[in-house]
Amino acid sequence: MTDSQRCLAAYGNPSLPAFAAQWLVRHPLPLAVRPFFPAFAGKPITALYLHRLAAPALDKVLLELVATGLIRELRTYDGCWVVRCKRGLAEYSIHSWGLALDFNAALNPLGRPKGGPGMWSEAFLNVWRRHGWTCGADWKARPDGMHFQYLPGAI
């Protein structure tokens, strides 16, 4: 079973209004994070619309990134919740459930292998890993370095 199939079974169809009403929240970023979080389309970000189960884990990551200075590796924020299929595939993206975020998309395009200029440091990736997140940079078959996803233990 793929991650998308597990999300569909656990949380339902993300294209239905009932999904958003039950699972999505407008989650304010911690105050300590806001000065460092990249803008989106030139506008400062103070809150993200995401899956309610991902919000506490995201806060832990972002606060640790600020505390360690690793937050400086975030240059662009490129989105979270959007109902869509995975690029080139016929199944929903994990973004469809508000369980994925993209950062530094221009520096970390889909298909680019791990390593090289603009890629994440191991220390940065380890912060995400410690808090239960997966980075697409670790995927061998189809690397996606911009992509970070959180799949709660329930699935």
N, C-alpha and C. Protein backbone atom coordinates (compact mmCIF):
# COMPACT_ATOMS: atom_id res chain seq x y z
N MET A 1 0.85 -1.18 0.00
CA MET A 1 0.00 0.00 0.00
C MET A 1 0.89 1.24 0.00
N THR A 2 0.60 2.20 -0.85
CA THR A 2 1.39 3.43 -0.92
C THR A 2 0.98 4.39 0.20
N ASP A 3 1.80 5.41 0.43
CA ASP A 3 1.46 6.44 1.42
C ASP A 3 0.13 7.10 1.06
N SER A 4 -0.09 7.37 -0.21
CA SER A 4 -1.34 8.00 -0.64
C SER A 4 -2.54 7.10 -0.34
N GLN A 5 -2.40 5.83 -0.57
CA GLN A 5 -3.49 4.89 -0.28
C GLN A 5 -3.76 4.82 1.22
N ARG A 6 -2.70 4.87 2.02
CA ARG A 6 -2.87 4.87 3.48
C ARG A 6 -3.59 6.14 3.94
N CYS A 7 -3.22 7.28 3.37
CA CYS A 7 -3.89 8.54 3.73
C CYS A 7 -5.36 8.51 3.33
N LEU A 8 -5.63 8.00 2.14
CA LEU A 8 -7.01 7.92 1.67
C LEU A 8 -7.84 7.04 2.62
N ALA A 9 -7.27 5.91 3.05
CA ALA A 9 -7.99 5.02 3.95
C ALA A 9 -8.18 5.64 5.34
N ALA A 10 -7.18 6.37 5.82
CA ALA A 10 -7.24 6.93 7.17
C ALA A 10 -8.04 8.22 7.27
N TYR A 11 -7.95 9.08 6.25
CA TYR A 11 -8.52 10.42 6.36
C TYR A 11 -9.61 10.72 5.34
N GLY A 12 -9.80 9.85 4.36
CA GLY A 12 -10.85 10.06 3.38
C GLY A 12 -10.37 10.83 2.16
N ASN A 13 -11.31 11.10 1.29
CA ASN A 13 -11.04 11.77 0.03
C ASN A 13 -10.75 13.25 0.27
N PRO A 14 -9.55 13.72 -0.04
CA PRO A 14 -9.19 15.10 0.26
C PRO A 14 -9.91 16.12 -0.63
N SER A 15 -10.56 15.67 -1.68
CA SER A 15 -11.25 16.61 -2.56
C SER A 15 -12.67 16.91 -2.08
N LEU A 16 -13.12 16.23 -1.03
CA LEU A 16 -14.46 16.46 -0.50
C LEU A 16 -14.43 17.49 0.63
N PRO A 17 -15.44 18.36 0.70
CA PRO A 17 -15.47 19.37 1.77
C PRO A 17 -15.42 18.76 3.18
N ALA A 18 -15.97 17.58 3.35
CA ALA A 18 -15.95 16.95 4.67
C ALA A 18 -14.53 16.70 5.16
N PHE A 19 -13.60 16.42 4.23
CA PHE A 19 -12.22 16.21 4.64
C PHE A 19 -11.66 17.49 5.28
N ALA A 20 -11.78 18.60 4.57
CA ALA A 20 -11.22 19.86 5.07
C ALA A 20 -11.84 20.24 6.41
N ALA A 21 -13.14 20.07 6.54
CA ALA A 21 -13.82 20.43 7.78
C ALA A 21 -13.33 19.60 8.96
N GLN A 22 -13.02 18.34 8.73
CA GLN A 22 -12.62 17.45 9.82
C GLN A 22 -11.12 17.53 10.14
N TRP A 23 -10.27 17.69 9.13
CA TRP A 23 -8.84 17.48 9.33
C TRP A 23 -7.95 18.71 9.18
N LEU A 24 -8.37 19.73 8.45
CA LEU A 24 -7.47 20.86 8.19
C LEU A 24 -7.68 21.99 9.19
N VAL A 25 -6.57 22.66 9.53
CA VAL A 25 -6.61 23.81 10.44
C VAL A 25 -5.74 24.93 9.89
N ARG A 26 -6.11 26.14 10.26
CA ARG A 26 -5.23 27.29 10.01
C ARG A 26 -4.35 27.38 11.26
N HIS A 27 -3.10 27.02 11.10
CA HIS A 27 -2.20 26.88 12.25
C HIS A 27 -1.20 28.04 12.29
N PRO A 28 -1.28 28.88 13.31
CA PRO A 28 -0.30 29.97 13.42
C PRO A 28 1.11 29.44 13.67
N LEU A 29 2.07 30.01 12.98
CA LEU A 29 3.47 29.66 13.24
C LEU A 29 3.88 30.19 14.60
N PRO A 30 4.75 29.47 15.31
CA PRO A 30 5.24 30.00 16.59
C PRO A 30 5.89 31.38 16.37
N LEU A 31 5.72 32.27 17.33
CA LEU A 31 6.25 33.63 17.20
C LEU A 31 7.76 33.64 16.94
N ALA A 32 8.49 32.72 17.57
CA ALA A 32 9.95 32.67 17.41
C ALA A 32 10.35 32.29 15.99
N VAL A 33 9.46 31.66 15.25
CA VAL A 33 9.75 31.18 13.90
C VAL A 33 9.47 32.25 12.85
N ARG A 34 8.47 33.07 13.08
CA ARG A 34 7.98 34.00 12.06
C ARG A 34 9.04 34.89 11.42
N PRO A 35 10.00 35.44 12.17
CA PRO A 35 11.00 36.29 11.52
C PRO A 35 11.90 35.54 10.54
N PHE A 36 11.97 34.23 10.66
CA PHE A 36 12.88 33.43 9.85
C PHE A 36 12.18 32.63 8.74
N PHE A 37 10.86 32.51 8.83
CA PHE A 37 10.13 31.70 7.86
C PHE A 37 10.05 32.45 6.53
N PRO A 38 10.37 31.78 5.42
CA PRO A 38 10.37 32.46 4.13
C PRO A 38 8.98 32.98 3.74
N ALA A 39 8.99 34.10 3.03
CA ALA A 39 7.74 34.66 2.51
C ALA A 39 7.21 33.77 1.39
N PHE A 40 5.95 33.96 1.06
CA PHE A 40 5.33 33.24 -0.07
C PHE A 40 4.73 34.29 -0.99
N ALA A 41 5.16 34.28 -2.24
CA ALA A 41 4.71 35.27 -3.22
C ALA A 41 4.91 36.69 -2.68
N GLY A 42 6.03 36.89 -1.98
CA GLY A 42 6.38 38.21 -1.46
C GLY A 42 5.66 38.62 -0.19
N LYS A 43 4.83 37.73 0.35
CA LYS A 43 4.08 38.06 1.56
C LYS A 43 4.57 37.23 2.74
N PRO A 44 4.72 37.89 3.91
CA PRO A 44 5.14 37.15 5.10
C PRO A 44 4.11 36.09 5.48
N ILE A 45 4.58 34.99 5.99
CA ILE A 45 3.72 33.88 6.41
C ILE A 45 3.62 33.90 7.94
N THR A 46 2.41 33.93 8.45
CA THR A 46 2.20 33.86 9.90
C THR A 46 1.45 32.60 10.30
N ALA A 47 0.84 31.93 9.32
CA ALA A 47 0.09 30.71 9.61
C ALA A 47 0.08 29.84 8.36
N LEU A 48 -0.09 28.54 8.58
CA LEU A 48 -0.18 27.58 7.47
C LEU A 48 -1.49 26.82 7.60
N TYR A 49 -2.07 26.49 6.48
CA TYR A 49 -3.27 25.65 6.43
C TYR A 49 -2.77 24.24 6.19
N LEU A 50 -2.91 23.37 7.20
CA LEU A 50 -2.38 22.02 7.10
C LEU A 50 -3.21 21.04 7.93
N HIS A 51 -2.85 19.77 7.87
CA HIS A 51 -3.52 18.71 8.62
C HIS A 51 -3.30 18.95 10.10
N ARG A 52 -4.35 18.83 10.87
CA ARG A 52 -4.24 19.12 12.32
C ARG A 52 -3.25 18.22 13.04
N LEU A 53 -3.04 17.00 12.56
CA LEU A 53 -2.10 16.10 13.22
C LEU A 53 -0.64 16.45 12.91
N ALA A 54 -0.40 17.21 11.86
CA ALA A 54 0.96 17.60 11.49
C ALA A 54 1.43 18.86 12.21
N ALA A 55 0.49 19.68 12.67
CA ALA A 55 0.84 20.98 13.24
C ALA A 55 1.82 20.89 14.43
N PRO A 56 1.57 20.06 15.44
CA PRO A 56 2.52 20.01 16.57
C PRO A 56 3.91 19.54 16.15
N ALA A 57 3.98 18.56 15.25
CA ALA A 57 5.28 18.06 14.79
C ALA A 57 6.02 19.13 13.99
N LEU A 58 5.30 19.91 13.21
CA LEU A 58 5.94 20.99 12.45
C LEU A 58 6.49 22.04 13.39
N ASP A 59 5.74 22.41 14.42
CA ASP A 59 6.22 23.40 15.38
C ASP A 59 7.54 22.94 16.02
N LYS A 60 7.62 21.67 16.40
CA LYS A 60 8.84 21.15 17.02
C LYS A 60 10.03 21.28 16.07
N VAL A 61 9.81 20.94 14.81
CA VAL A 61 10.90 21.05 13.82
C VAL A 61 11.33 22.50 13.67
N LEU A 62 10.38 23.39 13.43
CA LEU A 62 10.73 24.78 13.17
C LEU A 62 11.41 25.44 14.36
N LEU A 63 10.93 25.15 15.56
CA LEU A 63 11.57 25.72 16.75
C LEU A 63 12.99 25.20 16.94
N GLU A 64 13.21 23.92 16.66
CA GLU A 64 14.57 23.39 16.74
C GLU A 64 15.46 23.99 15.66
N LEU A 65 14.92 24.19 14.47
CA LEU A 65 15.71 24.82 13.40
C LEU A 65 16.11 26.23 13.78
N VAL A 66 15.22 26.97 14.42
CA VAL A 66 15.56 28.32 14.88
C VAL A 66 16.63 28.24 15.96
N ALA A 67 16.44 27.36 16.95
CA ALA A 67 17.38 27.25 18.07
C ALA A 67 18.79 26.87 17.63
N THR A 68 18.89 26.08 16.56
CA THR A 68 20.20 25.62 16.08
C THR A 68 20.78 26.52 14.99
N GLY A 69 19.99 27.47 14.51
CA GLY A 69 20.44 28.32 13.40
C GLY A 69 20.28 27.66 12.04
N LEU A 70 19.79 26.43 12.00
CA LEU A 70 19.62 25.73 10.73
C LEU A 70 18.45 26.26 9.91
N ILE A 71 17.61 27.09 10.52
CA ILE A 71 16.48 27.68 9.80
C ILE A 71 16.97 28.50 8.60
N ARG A 72 18.22 28.93 8.63
CA ARG A 72 18.78 29.72 7.53
C ARG A 72 18.81 28.94 6.21
N GLU A 73 18.71 27.61 6.29
CA GLU A 73 18.68 26.81 5.07
C GLU A 73 17.36 26.95 4.31
N LEU A 74 16.31 27.43 4.99
CA LEU A 74 15.04 27.66 4.31
C LEU A 74 15.13 29.00 3.57
N ARG A 75 15.08 28.94 2.26
CA ARG A 75 15.17 30.17 1.46
C ARG A 75 13.82 30.54 0.86
N THR A 76 13.05 29.52 0.45
CA THR A 76 11.71 29.77 -0.08
C THR A 76 10.73 28.76 0.50
N TYR A 77 9.52 29.24 0.71
CA TYR A 77 8.42 28.36 1.08
C TYR A 77 7.57 28.20 -0.17
N ASP A 78 7.30 26.96 -0.55
CA ASP A 78 6.65 26.71 -1.83
C ASP A 78 5.33 25.96 -1.71
N GLY A 79 4.74 25.98 -0.54
CA GLY A 79 3.39 25.47 -0.39
C GLY A 79 3.23 24.26 0.50
N CYS A 80 1.96 24.06 0.89
CA CYS A 80 1.60 22.94 1.75
C CYS A 80 0.37 22.26 1.19
N TRP A 81 -0.81 22.70 1.60
CA TRP A 81 -2.04 22.01 1.23
C TRP A 81 -2.53 22.42 -0.15
N VAL A 82 -2.60 21.45 -1.03
CA VAL A 82 -3.24 21.63 -2.34
C VAL A 82 -3.65 20.23 -2.82
N VAL A 83 -4.90 20.10 -3.19
CA VAL A 83 -5.40 18.80 -3.66
C VAL A 83 -4.96 18.63 -5.10
N ARG A 84 -4.09 17.64 -5.31
CA ARG A 84 -3.57 17.37 -6.65
C ARG A 84 -2.98 15.97 -6.69
N CYS A 85 -2.76 15.49 -7.91
CA CYS A 85 -2.06 14.21 -8.07
C CYS A 85 -0.56 14.44 -8.02
N LYS A 86 0.16 13.39 -7.70
CA LYS A 86 1.62 13.45 -7.78
C LYS A 86 2.00 13.71 -9.23
N ARG A 87 3.03 14.49 -9.42
CA ARG A 87 3.47 14.83 -10.77
C ARG A 87 3.75 13.57 -11.58
N GLY A 88 3.01 13.43 -12.69
CA GLY A 88 3.22 12.30 -13.59
C GLY A 88 2.59 11.00 -13.13
N LEU A 89 1.87 11.02 -12.01
CA LEU A 89 1.26 9.79 -11.49
C LEU A 89 -0.24 9.99 -11.28
N ALA A 90 -0.95 8.90 -11.13
CA ALA A 90 -2.41 8.96 -11.02
C ALA A 90 -2.90 8.77 -9.59
N GLU A 91 -2.11 9.16 -8.61
CA GLU A 91 -2.58 9.08 -7.23
C GLU A 91 -2.34 10.42 -6.56
N TYR A 92 -3.15 10.69 -5.52
CA TYR A 92 -3.04 11.97 -4.83
C TYR A 92 -1.66 12.16 -4.23
N SER A 93 -1.20 13.40 -4.27
CA SER A 93 0.01 13.81 -3.55
C SER A 93 -0.32 13.89 -2.06
N ILE A 94 0.67 13.70 -1.22
CA ILE A 94 0.48 13.83 0.23
C ILE A 94 0.10 15.28 0.58
N HIS A 95 0.44 16.23 -0.30
CA HIS A 95 -0.01 17.62 -0.11
C HIS A 95 -1.53 17.70 -0.05
N SER A 96 -2.21 16.78 -0.71
CA SER A 96 -3.68 16.79 -0.76
C SER A 96 -4.31 16.66 0.62
N TRP A 97 -3.60 16.06 1.56
CA TRP A 97 -4.09 15.91 2.92
C TRP A 97 -3.46 16.94 3.87
N GLY A 98 -2.69 17.89 3.34
CA GLY A 98 -2.05 18.89 4.19
C GLY A 98 -0.97 18.31 5.07
N LEU A 99 -0.35 17.21 4.60
CA LEU A 99 0.68 16.52 5.36
C LEU A 99 2.06 16.67 4.74
N ALA A 100 2.23 17.63 3.82
CA ALA A 100 3.52 17.83 3.17
C ALA A 100 3.75 19.32 2.93
N LEU A 101 5.01 19.70 3.00
CA LEU A 101 5.42 21.07 2.70
C LEU A 101 6.58 21.03 1.73
N ASP A 102 6.68 22.05 0.91
CA ASP A 102 7.81 22.19 -0.02
C ASP A 102 8.60 23.44 0.34
N PHE A 103 9.93 23.29 0.30
CA PHE A 103 10.84 24.41 0.54
C PHE A 103 11.95 24.38 -0.50
N ASN A 104 12.43 25.56 -0.87
CA ASN A 104 13.57 25.69 -1.79
C ASN A 104 13.38 24.89 -3.07
N ALA A 105 12.18 24.98 -3.65
CA ALA A 105 11.83 24.17 -4.82
C ALA A 105 12.79 24.38 -5.99
N ALA A 106 13.19 25.60 -6.25
CA ALA A 106 14.07 25.86 -7.39
C ALA A 106 15.45 25.22 -7.20
N LEU A 107 15.89 25.10 -5.96
CA LEU A 107 17.20 24.50 -5.67
C LEU A 107 17.14 22.98 -5.55
N ASN A 108 15.95 22.45 -5.30
CA ASN A 108 15.78 21.02 -5.04
C ASN A 108 14.66 20.43 -5.90
N PRO A 109 14.78 20.47 -7.21
CA PRO A 109 13.69 20.00 -8.06
C PRO A 109 13.49 18.48 -8.00
N LEU A 110 12.28 18.07 -8.34
CA LEU A 110 11.95 16.66 -8.41
C LEU A 110 12.94 15.95 -9.33
N GLY A 111 13.48 14.83 -8.87
CA GLY A 111 14.40 14.03 -9.67
C GLY A 111 15.87 14.33 -9.45
N ARG A 112 16.19 15.42 -8.76
CA ARG A 112 17.59 15.75 -8.50
C ARG A 112 18.11 14.90 -7.35
N PRO A 113 19.18 14.15 -7.57
CA PRO A 113 19.72 13.30 -6.49
C PRO A 113 20.22 14.13 -5.32
N LYS A 114 20.27 13.49 -4.17
CA LYS A 114 20.73 14.13 -2.93
C LYS A 114 22.18 14.57 -3.06
N GLY A 115 22.46 15.74 -2.51
CA GLY A 115 23.82 16.28 -2.52
C GLY A 115 23.96 17.39 -3.54
N GLY A 116 25.00 18.17 -3.41
CA GLY A 116 25.24 19.24 -4.37
C GLY A 116 24.80 20.58 -3.83
N PRO A 117 25.10 21.64 -4.58
CA PRO A 117 24.76 23.00 -4.14
C PRO A 117 23.26 23.17 -3.92
N GLY A 118 22.92 23.85 -2.85
CA GLY A 118 21.52 24.14 -2.56
C GLY A 118 20.78 23.04 -1.83
N MET A 119 21.39 21.89 -1.71
CA MET A 119 20.71 20.79 -1.02
C MET A 119 20.87 20.97 0.50
N TRP A 120 20.08 20.23 1.23
CA TRP A 120 20.04 20.35 2.68
C TRP A 120 21.27 19.71 3.34
N SER A 121 21.67 20.28 4.46
CA SER A 121 22.73 19.65 5.26
C SER A 121 22.13 18.45 5.99
N GLU A 122 22.98 17.50 6.36
CA GLU A 122 22.51 16.34 7.13
C GLU A 122 21.96 16.79 8.48
N ALA A 123 22.55 17.81 9.08
CA ALA A 123 22.06 18.30 10.36
C ALA A 123 20.62 18.82 10.22
N PHE A 124 20.36 19.54 9.14
CA PHE A 124 19.02 20.06 8.86
C PHE A 124 18.03 18.90 8.68
N LEU A 125 18.39 17.93 7.85
CA LEU A 125 17.51 16.78 7.60
C LEU A 125 17.27 15.98 8.88
N ASN A 126 18.30 15.87 9.72
CA ASN A 126 18.16 15.11 10.96
C ASN A 126 17.15 15.72 11.92
N VAL A 127 17.02 17.05 11.90
CA VAL A 127 16.00 17.69 12.73
C VAL A 127 14.61 17.20 12.30
N TRP A 128 14.35 17.22 11.02
CA TRP A 128 13.06 16.75 10.51
C TRP A 128 12.85 15.27 10.86
N ARG A 129 13.85 14.47 10.64
CA ARG A 129 13.73 13.03 10.90
C ARG A 129 13.41 12.76 12.38
N ARG A 130 14.07 13.49 13.27
CA ARG A 130 13.85 13.28 14.72
C ARG A 130 12.40 13.50 15.12
N HIS A 131 11.72 14.34 14.36
CA HIS A 131 10.34 14.67 14.70
C HIS A 131 9.32 13.96 13.81
N GLY A 132 9.77 12.90 13.13
CA GLY A 132 8.84 12.04 12.40
C GLY A 132 8.56 12.42 10.96
N TRP A 133 9.31 13.37 10.42
CA TRP A 133 9.11 13.80 9.05
C TRP A 133 10.06 13.05 8.11
N THR A 134 9.64 12.92 6.87
CA THR A 134 10.45 12.31 5.81
C THR A 134 10.75 13.37 4.78
N CYS A 135 11.98 13.40 4.30
CA CYS A 135 12.33 14.32 3.21
C CYS A 135 12.47 13.51 1.93
N GLY A 136 11.88 14.01 0.87
CA GLY A 136 11.99 13.36 -0.42
C GLY A 136 13.42 13.27 -0.93
N ALA A 137 14.33 14.02 -0.34
CA ALA A 137 15.75 13.92 -0.72
C ALA A 137 16.29 12.53 -0.41
N ASP A 138 15.66 11.83 0.53
CA ASP A 138 16.11 10.49 0.91
C ASP A 138 15.57 9.39 0.00
N TRP A 139 14.65 9.72 -0.88
CA TRP A 139 14.06 8.71 -1.75
C TRP A 139 15.00 8.38 -2.88
N LYS A 140 15.23 7.11 -3.10
CA LYS A 140 16.19 6.66 -4.13
C LYS A 140 15.57 6.68 -5.53
N ALA A 141 14.39 6.10 -5.69
CA ALA A 141 13.79 5.93 -7.02
C ALA A 141 13.36 7.25 -7.65
N ARG A 142 12.84 8.16 -6.84
CA ARG A 142 12.32 9.42 -7.36
C ARG A 142 12.59 10.52 -6.32
N PRO A 143 13.84 10.98 -6.22
CA PRO A 143 14.16 11.98 -5.20
C PRO A 143 13.36 13.27 -5.40
N ASP A 144 12.98 13.88 -4.28
CA ASP A 144 12.19 15.11 -4.31
C ASP A 144 12.63 15.96 -3.13
N GLY A 145 13.79 16.58 -3.26
CA GLY A 145 14.43 17.29 -2.16
C GLY A 145 13.66 18.44 -1.57
N MET A 146 12.73 19.01 -2.31
CA MET A 146 11.94 20.13 -1.77
C MET A 146 10.87 19.65 -0.78
N HIS A 147 10.54 18.37 -0.83
CA HIS A 147 9.36 17.80 -0.20
C HIS A 147 9.64 17.22 1.18
N PHE A 148 8.85 17.65 2.16
CA PHE A 148 8.87 17.10 3.51
C PHE A 148 7.46 16.65 3.85
N GLN A 149 7.32 15.41 4.31
CA GLN A 149 5.99 14.91 4.63
C GLN A 149 5.95 14.27 6.01
N TYR A 150 4.78 14.36 6.61
CA TYR A 150 4.56 13.80 7.94
C TYR A 150 3.40 12.83 7.85
N LEU A 151 3.65 11.59 8.19
CA LEU A 151 2.60 10.57 8.18
C LEU A 151 2.43 10.08 9.61
N PRO A 152 1.41 10.57 10.30
CA PRO A 152 1.20 10.19 11.69
C PRO A 152 1.14 8.68 11.87
N GLY A 153 1.49 8.23 13.05
CA GLY A 153 1.51 6.81 13.35
C GLY A 153 0.21 6.09 13.07
N ALA A 154 -0.88 6.83 13.00
CA ALA A 154 -2.19 6.21 12.74
C ALA A 154 -2.27 5.57 11.37
N ILE A 155 -1.38 5.97 10.46
CA ILE A 155 -1.45 5.35 9.14
C ILE A 155 -0.19 4.55 8.89
